[in-house]
C-alpha cells in the first residue's frame, strides 16, 4: 500500500500480488482534504486559546465570599 501516490496491491494466495485500480483523482482529493483538516485544527486551537480565560492569580481583590 502506498499513500502518495495512492496505490493498493492485493496479495494473492499464490504469493504474488496485483495492483488494484485506484482512480487518478484520489491523490489530489486526499491532499486537499488533509490540508483542509489541518487548517481547521489550527483554527480550533487558536480559537480555544483566544477564548480560554487566563488563570486567576488569587489577588483579584475579591475575598471569595458573597457580599451581604
Protein backbone atom coordinates (compact mmCIF):
# COMPACT_ATOMS: atom_id res chain seq x y z
CA UNK A 1 0.00 0.00 0.00
CA UNK A 2 1.26 3.46 -0.86
CA UNK A 3 -0.34 6.69 0.34
CA UNK A 4 1.28 9.18 -2.04
CA UNK A 5 0.56 8.44 -4.81
CA UNK A 6 -2.35 6.26 -3.82
CA UNK A 7 -1.79 2.63 -4.68
CA UNK A 8 -3.13 -0.68 -3.45
CA UNK A 9 -1.54 -4.07 -4.05
CA UNK A 10 -3.70 -7.13 -3.50
CA UNK A 11 -1.86 -10.20 -2.21
CA UNK A 12 -2.75 -13.42 -3.93
CA UNK A 13 -2.88 -16.80 -2.20
CA UNK A 14 -0.17 -17.98 -4.61
CA UNK A 15 2.25 -15.47 -3.06
CA UNK A 16 2.15 -12.87 -5.81
CA UNK A 17 0.35 -9.55 -5.92
CA UNK A 18 -1.64 -7.49 -8.38
CA UNK A 19 -2.25 -3.78 -8.44
CA UNK A 20 -5.81 -2.70 -7.73
CA UNK A 21 -7.38 0.17 -9.63
CA UNK A 22 -7.11 3.45 -7.74
CA UNK A 23 -8.67 6.46 -9.50
CA UNK A 24 -6.19 9.17 -10.58
CA UNK A 25 -8.19 11.90 -8.87
CA UNK A 26 -7.90 10.28 -5.44
CA UNK A 27 -4.42 11.60 -4.52
CA UNK A 28 -5.27 15.30 -5.12
CA UNK A 29 -8.58 14.91 -3.28
CA UNK A 30 -6.83 13.28 -0.30
CA UNK A 31 -4.22 16.07 -0.27
CA UNK A 32 -6.87 18.82 -0.31
CA UNK A 33 -8.78 17.08 2.49
CA UNK A 34 -5.62 16.75 4.60
CA UNK A 35 -4.77 20.46 4.14
CA UNK A 36 -8.37 21.43 4.97
CA UNK A 37 -8.32 19.24 8.09
CA UNK A 38 -5.01 20.71 9.27
CA UNK A 39 -6.29 24.25 8.69
CA UNK A 40 -9.46 23.61 10.69
CA UNK A 41 -7.46 22.03 13.52
CA UNK A 42 -5.15 25.06 13.71
CA UNK A 43 -8.13 27.42 13.70
CA UNK A 44 -9.76 25.42 16.51
CA UNK A 45 -6.58 25.54 18.62
CA UNK A 46 -6.20 29.29 18.04
CA UNK A 47 -9.86 29.90 18.92
CA UNK A 48 -9.56 27.79 22.06
CA UNK A 49 -6.52 29.76 23.21
CA UNK A 50 -8.25 33.05 22.43
CA UNK A 51 -11.44 32.27 24.35
CA UNK A 52 -9.91 30.47 27.34
CA UNK A 53 -9.91 32.76 30.38
CA UNK A 54 -6.50 33.31 31.97
CA UNK A 55 -5.83 31.65 35.31
CA UNK A 56 -6.58 33.77 38.37
CA UNK A 57 -3.51 34.64 40.42
CA UNK A 58 -5.51 34.75 43.66
CA UNK A 59 -5.02 38.50 44.10
CA UNK A 60 -8.06 39.78 42.29
CA UNK A 61 -9.27 41.83 45.22
CA UNK A 62 -12.22 39.57 45.94
CA UNK A 63 -12.30 37.55 49.13
CA UNK A 64 -14.32 34.77 47.53
CA UNK A 65 -17.28 35.45 49.84
CA UNK A 66 -20.57 36.83 48.71
CA UNK A 67 -21.35 40.33 49.84
CA UNK A 68 -24.04 40.86 52.43
